[in-house]
Protein backbone atom coordinates (compact mmCIF):
# COMPACT_ATOMS: atom_id res chain seq x y z
CA MET A 1 -2.18 -6.04 -8.39
CA ARG A 2 -4.18 -8.88 -6.82
CA VAL A 3 -2.17 -11.84 -5.55
CA ALA A 4 -3.39 -15.20 -4.29
CA VAL A 5 -1.10 -16.83 -1.71
CA VAL A 6 -1.62 -20.60 -1.62
CA GLU A 7 0.21 -21.97 1.42
CA ASP A 8 -1.02 -24.63 3.86
CA ASP A 9 1.21 -23.41 6.71
CA GLU A 10 -1.27 -21.04 8.37
CA ALA A 11 1.33 -19.15 10.43
CA LEU A 12 3.54 -18.55 7.40
CA ARG A 13 0.57 -17.53 5.27
CA GLU A 14 -1.36 -15.35 7.71
CA ASP A 15 1.41 -13.91 9.91
CA ILE A 16 4.23 -13.44 7.40
CA LEU A 17 3.38 -13.64 3.69
CA LEU A 18 0.03 -11.81 3.58
CA PRO A 19 1.04 -8.89 5.87
CA ALA A 20 4.33 -8.48 3.97
CA LEU A 21 2.65 -8.38 0.57
CA HIS A 22 0.09 -5.87 1.85
CA ASP A 23 2.99 -3.72 3.07
CA TYR A 24 4.53 -3.90 -0.41
CA GLY A 25 1.35 -2.58 -2.00
CA PHE A 26 -0.29 -5.80 -3.18
CA SER A 27 -3.88 -6.84 -2.56
CA ALA A 28 -3.31 -10.36 -1.25
CA GLN A 29 -5.78 -13.18 -0.52
CA GLY A 30 -4.75 -16.37 1.24
CA ALA A 31 -5.76 -19.96 0.52
CA ALA A 32 -4.72 -23.18 2.29
CA SER A 33 -5.29 -25.55 -0.63
CA ALA A 34 -5.90 -25.77 -4.36
CA ALA A 35 -9.61 -26.28 -3.73
CA GLU A 36 -9.79 -23.05 -1.72
CA LEU A 37 -7.90 -21.18 -4.43
CA TYR A 38 -10.35 -22.37 -7.07
CA ARG A 39 -13.29 -21.27 -4.91
CA HIS A 40 -11.77 -17.79 -4.59
CA MET A 41 -11.23 -17.65 -8.35
CA LEU A 42 -14.94 -18.14 -8.97
CA SER A 43 -15.68 -14.71 -7.48
CA GLN A 44 -12.33 -12.85 -7.69
CA HIS A 45 -9.75 -12.00 -10.31
CA PHE A 46 -6.07 -12.58 -9.50
CA ASP A 47 -3.15 -11.22 -11.51
CA MET A 48 -0.57 -13.48 -9.86
CA VAL A 49 -0.35 -16.42 -7.49
CA VAL A 50 2.31 -17.38 -4.95
CA LEU A 51 2.05 -21.14 -4.90
CA ASP A 52 3.54 -23.62 -2.44
CA ILE A 53 4.52 -26.91 -4.03
CA GLY A 54 3.72 -29.13 -1.04
CA LEU A 55 -0.02 -28.63 -0.71
CA PRO A 56 -2.57 -31.08 0.70
CA GLY A 57 -4.63 -32.80 -1.99
CA GLU A 58 -3.67 -31.34 -5.37
CA ASP A 59 0.02 -30.36 -5.22
CA GLY A 60 1.43 -27.07 -6.43
CA LEU A 61 3.00 -28.52 -9.58
CA THR A 62 -0.38 -29.78 -10.76
CA VAL A 63 -2.05 -26.49 -9.83
CA ALA A 64 0.55 -24.53 -11.82
CA GLN A 65 -0.01 -26.73 -14.86
CA HIS A 66 -3.78 -26.32 -14.57
CA LEU A 67 -3.59 -22.53 -14.16
CA ARG A 68 -1.26 -22.19 -17.12
CA THR A 69 -3.61 -24.07 -19.44
CA MET A 70 -6.48 -21.72 -18.58
CA SER A 71 -4.87 -18.27 -18.22
CA ASP A 72 -1.79 -16.04 -18.37
CA ILE A 73 -1.77 -15.57 -14.60
CA GLY A 74 1.68 -14.96 -13.11
CA ILE A 75 2.97 -17.88 -11.04
CA ILE A 76 5.72 -17.79 -8.40
CA MET A 77 6.44 -21.18 -6.82
CA LEU A 78 7.62 -21.63 -3.22
CA THR A 79 9.23 -24.78 -1.84
CA GLY A 80 11.39 -25.95 1.01
CA SER A 81 13.21 -28.36 -1.30
CA THR A 82 16.49 -27.66 -3.10
CA ASP A 83 15.86 -30.48 -5.59
CA ARG A 84 16.95 -29.19 -9.02
CA GLN A 85 14.59 -31.54 -10.85
CA LEU A 86 11.67 -30.13 -8.88
CA GLN A 87 12.60 -26.64 -10.00
CA ILE A 88 12.83 -27.77 -13.62
CA GLN A 89 9.43 -29.46 -13.34
CA ALA A 90 7.86 -26.32 -11.84
CA LEU A 91 9.14 -24.14 -14.68
CA HIS A 92 8.09 -26.76 -17.23
CA ASN A 93 4.59 -26.73 -15.73
CA GLY A 94 4.27 -22.99 -16.30
CA ALA A 95 5.81 -21.25 -13.29
CA ASP A 96 7.36 -17.84 -13.98
CA GLY A 97 9.64 -17.98 -10.94
CA TYR A 98 10.81 -20.34 -8.22
CA LEU A 99 11.91 -19.37 -4.70
CA ILE A 100 13.22 -21.59 -1.91
CA LYS A 101 12.00 -21.27 1.68
CA PRO A 102 12.66 -19.54 3.96
CA VAL A 103 11.86 -16.92 1.37
CA ASP A 104 13.41 -13.45 1.51
CA LEU A 105 10.36 -11.15 1.51
CA ASP A 106 12.21 -8.38 -0.34
CA VAL A 107 13.08 -10.88 -3.09
CA LEU A 108 9.52 -12.23 -3.25
CA ALA A 109 8.06 -8.73 -3.58
CA ALA A 110 10.65 -7.79 -6.22
CA ALA A 111 9.89 -10.98 -8.16
CA LEU A 112 6.17 -10.17 -8.13
CA HIS A 113 6.75 -6.57 -9.21
CA SER A 114 9.07 -7.72 -12.00
CA LEU A 115 6.46 -10.24 -13.12
CA ALA A 116 3.74 -7.57 -12.94
CA ARG A 117 5.74 -5.37 -15.33
CA ARG A 118 6.01 -8.23 -17.83
CA LEU A 119 2.28 -8.93 -17.55
CA SER A 120 1.33 -5.28 -18.01
CA PRO A 121 -0.36 -4.57 -21.38
CA THR A 122 1.77 -1.44 -21.75
CA THR A 123 4.99 -3.50 -21.88
CA ARG A 124 3.90 -6.31 -24.20
CA GLY A 125 4.36 -4.34 -27.42
CA ILE A 126 7.85 -2.99 -26.74
CA VAL A 127 10.05 -3.27 -29.81
CA ALA A 128 13.45 -4.92 -29.55
CA ASP A 129 15.48 -1.81 -30.31
CA GLN A 130 13.66 0.47 -27.84
CA PRO A 131 16.27 2.18 -25.62
CA LEU A 132 16.67 1.10 -22.02
CA ILE A 133 15.48 3.31 -19.18
CA SER A 134 18.17 5.95 -18.72
CA CYS A 135 17.18 7.11 -15.27
CA TRP A 136 15.49 5.99 -12.08
CA ARG A 137 11.71 5.86 -12.01
CA LEU A 138 8.81 5.02 -9.71
CA GLU A 139 6.05 2.82 -11.08
CA ALA A 140 2.84 1.21 -9.82
CA ASP A 141 1.83 4.32 -7.84
CA GLY A 142 5.27 4.44 -6.27
CA TRP A 143 5.37 0.84 -5.01
CA ARG A 144 7.99 -0.21 -7.56
CA LEU A 145 11.42 1.41 -8.08
CA VAL A 146 13.12 0.71 -11.40
CA SER A 147 16.82 1.39 -11.91
CA PRO A 148 18.39 2.78 -15.11
CA ARG A 149 19.31 -0.81 -16.07
CA GLY A 150 15.76 -2.02 -15.55
CA GLU A 151 16.27 -3.75 -12.20
CA VAL A 152 13.12 -3.79 -10.06
CA VAL A 153 13.05 -3.01 -6.33
CA ALA A 154 9.82 -3.53 -4.42
CA LEU A 155 9.21 -0.79 -1.87
CA THR A 156 7.57 -1.07 1.51
CA ALA A 157 4.85 1.43 2.44
CA ILE A 158 7.31 3.58 4.41
CA GLU A 159 9.93 3.54 1.63
CA GLN A 160 7.23 4.42 -0.89
CA CYS A 161 6.12 7.40 1.19
CA VAL A 162 9.71 8.68 1.54
CA LEU A 163 10.51 8.45 -2.18
CA ASN A 164 7.14 9.85 -3.27
CA THR A 165 7.70 12.85 -1.00
CA LEU A 166 11.24 13.42 -2.25
CA THR A 167 10.42 13.04 -5.95
CA ALA A 168 7.61 15.57 -5.58
CA SER A 169 10.40 18.18 -5.10
CA TYR A 170 13.14 17.37 -7.62
CA ASP A 171 16.41 19.27 -7.01
CA GLU A 172 14.95 20.88 -3.88
CA PRO A 173 16.02 19.74 -0.40
CA VAL A 174 13.14 18.30 1.61
CA PRO A 175 13.56 19.04 5.34
CA ARG A 176 13.70 16.04 7.66
CA GLN A 177 10.68 17.40 9.52
CA SER A 178 8.65 17.46 6.29
CA LEU A 179 9.48 13.80 5.67
CA ILE A 180 8.55 12.92 9.24
CA GLN A 181 5.25 14.78 8.87
CA ALA A 182 4.53 12.94 5.60
CA LEU A 183 5.16 9.61 7.31
CA ASN A 184 3.01 10.52 10.29
CA HIS A 185 0.27 11.73 7.94
CA ASN A 186 0.32 8.24 6.41
CA ARG A 187 -0.07 6.65 9.86
CA TYR A 188 3.54 5.72 10.47
CA ASP A 189 4.87 6.78 13.86
CA CYS A 190 8.25 8.15 12.86
CA ASP A 191 10.92 10.02 14.79
CA PRO A 192 14.14 11.58 13.40
CA HIS A 193 16.24 8.54 14.34
CA ARG A 194 13.88 6.14 12.60
CA LEU A 195 13.85 8.31 9.47
CA GLU A 196 17.64 8.01 9.26
CA MET A 197 17.36 4.23 9.58
CA VAL A 198 14.68 4.02 6.88
CA ILE A 199 16.83 5.94 4.41
CA HIS A 200 19.97 4.00 5.37
CA ARG A 201 18.17 0.68 4.86
CA LEU A 202 16.66 1.87 1.56
CA ARG A 203 20.07 2.84 0.17
CA ARG A 204 21.58 -0.50 1.21
CA LYS A 205 18.62 -2.47 -0.14
CA VAL A 206 18.74 -0.75 -3.55
CA LEU A 207 22.50 -1.22 -3.85
CA ALA A 208 22.23 -4.92 -2.92
CA GLN A 209 19.40 -5.61 -5.38
CA THR A 210 20.55 -3.51 -8.36
CA ASN A 211 24.30 -3.01 -7.82
CA GLU A 212 23.56 0.67 -8.49
CA VAL A 213 23.72 3.60 -6.09
CA LEU A 214 20.37 5.23 -5.41
CA PRO A 215 20.54 8.98 -6.20
CA LEU A 216 19.18 10.11 -2.85
CA LEU A 217 21.39 12.81 -1.37
CA THR A 218 21.84 14.04 2.19
CA VAL A 219 21.87 17.84 2.32
CA ARG A 220 23.81 18.92 5.40
CA CYS A 221 21.70 20.75 7.99
CA LYS A 222 18.66 20.68 5.67
CA GLY A 223 17.38 17.22 4.83
CA TYR A 224 17.37 15.05 1.74
CA MET A 225 17.12 15.59 -2.00
CA VAL A 226 16.82 13.64 -5.26
CA PRO A 227 18.62 15.18 -8.28
CA GLY A 228 16.18 15.75 -11.11
CA ASP A 229 18.57 14.73 -13.87
CA ALA A 230 18.81 11.21 -12.41
CA TRP A 231 15.06 10.60 -12.19
CA HIS A 232 12.26 10.19 -14.69
CA LYS A 233 9.87 12.96 -13.72
CA THR A 234 6.46 11.51 -13.00
CA THR A 235 3.79 12.93 -10.72
CA ILE A 236 2.62 10.59 -8.00
CA ALA A 237 0.12 11.69 -5.40
CA VAL A 238 1.58 11.87 -1.90
CA GLY A 239 -0.57 11.04 1.12
């Protein structure tokens, strides 16, 4: 998914938002103003835009209204203000979501992934009585984890690699060394201690965002395993 990040704070845009979105699997392009965004849109397609309200020249509220009149692009607004009326105005102008700075990057990525699912052509024709997802699944080439209740968790590149490797061997323990090799193969310098921290953080993150326990088991003296009956079995290329 291609995301435009319109933020006039260069340090926030270039050093924080763009690298984080790249790490969550998005193709992200920065812009410092509405005019720059429009120039990018002449030659590039964007699925979603992360839009600061306080922009120089044309403000974010006006940009959101303009974008909504011309397309179905996904819009997530960012602001440093807690003004409730501003939030109402942003949503009235066509924003799909509204986050207050300093933004939690996990929440921003999850909001974009959730919005991407709603924008996907494959989800627009779902009938009202279709059953809910009954198990965990990986979507968007493994960048998006969806819980049985439909909660979306955006995965970092390292978390994606770990879960892709584990779900390639349902019900079979994957040795720690195999996981470390998979991470190193994908250019992440990983030692056994860091692997433990990655999995610990992933479990905590999923529980905090979904209020559901991730079915990722520790197999004593062997490694880690995901039980097949708790996961929707899809094949995602690893590496």
